[in-house]
Structures are given as structure tokens and as C-alpha cells.
Amino acid sequence: MTTIKMKVSDEVLEKLKLLLKEFDHGEVEILEEINDFDLVKTEVNKELVRYESGIANTYTIEEADAFLEETIKRHEN
């Protein structure tokens, strides 16, 4: 199956959806596009507020790696 991306004006969107629903599910499937940017932007802003307020901490790669190694060793026994 091939996926295509289309820009459709709001005025004809419902008509296009009705037309596409005439096909069997195995022939045409409508995939709704989710605007991930807005979701990610919200999460990043929340984390920025946590960082600026001192609630969240940052770690270097080496510090995170050491923490994970220590945690793994504790749970291996």
C-alpha cells in the first residue's frame, strides 16, 4: 500500500472523506495527521519551567551512564 500526503481545504475535506469512505478498508485508509509539534512544545515548556525552578536536574552523559550502571548492578543480585 502507498501512503500519500495531501493538503485539502477545509471546505472540501468532508466531501473528500465521504468519497474515500466509499472504498473498502483494505483499499483506502484515512490516516489523520497529528500535529506533534504542539504536543512536544508543551512538554518542553513544562520541563523548562521545572528546570528553571530547580525541581528538575540535568546530568551529563557520563553521570547518567554511571547512575544506570549502578542501578543495574543493584538489581542483578
Protein backbone atom coordinates (compact mmCIF):
# COMPACT_ATOMS: atom_id res chain seq x y z
CA MET A 1 0.00 0.00 0.00
CA THR A 2 1.28 3.51 -0.79
CA THR A 3 0.86 6.47 1.55
CA ILE A 4 0.25 9.91 0.09
CA LYS A 5 0.12 13.29 1.80
CA MET A 6 -2.39 15.89 0.63
CA LYS A 7 -3.30 19.44 1.51
CA VAL A 8 -7.06 19.84 1.41
CA SER A 9 -9.05 22.99 2.09
CA ASP A 10 -11.47 22.86 5.00
CA GLU A 11 -14.35 23.46 2.57
CA VAL A 12 -13.84 20.17 0.70
CA LEU A 13 -12.40 17.99 3.47
CA GLU A 14 -15.71 16.40 4.48
CA LYS A 15 -16.64 15.72 0.85
CA LEU A 16 -13.29 14.05 0.25
CA LYS A 17 -13.68 11.92 3.36
CA LEU A 18 -17.14 10.80 2.20
CA LEU A 19 -15.74 9.88 -1.19
CA LEU A 20 -12.84 7.93 0.29
CA LYS A 21 -15.17 6.03 2.62
CA GLU A 22 -16.79 4.51 -0.50
CA PHE A 23 -13.68 2.32 -0.86
CA ASP A 24 -13.15 -0.84 1.18
CA HIS A 25 -10.92 -0.52 4.24
CA GLY A 26 -8.29 -2.70 2.55
CA GLU A 27 -8.21 -0.36 -0.46
CA VAL A 28 -8.07 3.09 1.16
CA GLU A 29 -7.44 4.05 4.77
CA ILE A 30 -7.72 7.61 6.09
CA LEU A 31 -4.79 8.48 8.35
CA GLU A 32 -5.31 11.58 10.45
CA GLU A 33 -2.20 13.68 10.84
CA ILE A 34 -1.38 14.69 14.39
CA ASN A 35 0.47 17.91 14.98
CA ASP A 36 3.25 16.54 17.17
CA PHE A 37 4.97 19.92 17.32
CA ASP A 38 2.34 21.38 19.63
CA LEU A 39 2.48 18.34 21.93
CA VAL A 40 6.26 18.40 22.10
CA LYS A 41 6.34 22.18 22.58
CA THR A 42 4.00 21.87 25.58
CA GLU A 43 6.13 19.13 27.15
CA VAL A 44 9.36 21.04 26.56
CA ASN A 45 7.88 24.17 28.13
CA LYS A 46 6.77 22.19 31.19
CA GLU A 47 10.25 20.74 31.61
CA LEU A 48 11.85 24.17 31.14
CA VAL A 49 9.71 25.54 33.98
CA ARG A 50 10.72 22.58 36.17
CA TYR A 51 14.40 23.14 35.34
CA GLU A 52 14.30 26.89 35.94
CA SER A 53 12.52 26.40 39.27
CA GLY A 54 15.12 23.88 40.42
CA ILE A 55 12.73 20.93 40.55
CA ALA A 56 14.39 19.10 37.63
CA ASN A 57 18.09 18.33 37.40
CA THR A 58 20.38 17.90 34.44
CA TYR A 59 23.05 15.23 34.10
CA THR A 60 25.95 14.70 31.74
CA ILE A 61 26.01 11.55 29.64
CA GLU A 62 28.73 10.16 31.91
CA GLU A 63 26.70 10.87 35.07
CA ALA A 64 23.59 9.26 33.60
CA ASP A 65 25.61 6.25 32.43
CA ALA A 66 27.16 5.80 35.90
CA PHE A 67 23.74 6.09 37.55
CA LEU A 68 22.27 3.46 35.20
CA GLU A 69 25.22 1.10 35.68
CA GLU A 70 24.89 1.38 39.46
CA THR A 71 21.14 0.73 39.26
CA ILE A 72 21.66 -2.32 37.03
CA LYS A 73 24.31 -3.76 39.39
CA ARG A 74 21.97 -3.35 42.38
CA HIS A 75 19.19 -5.27 40.64
CA GLU A 76 21.34 -8.03 39.16
CA ASN A 77 21.73 -9.72 42.55
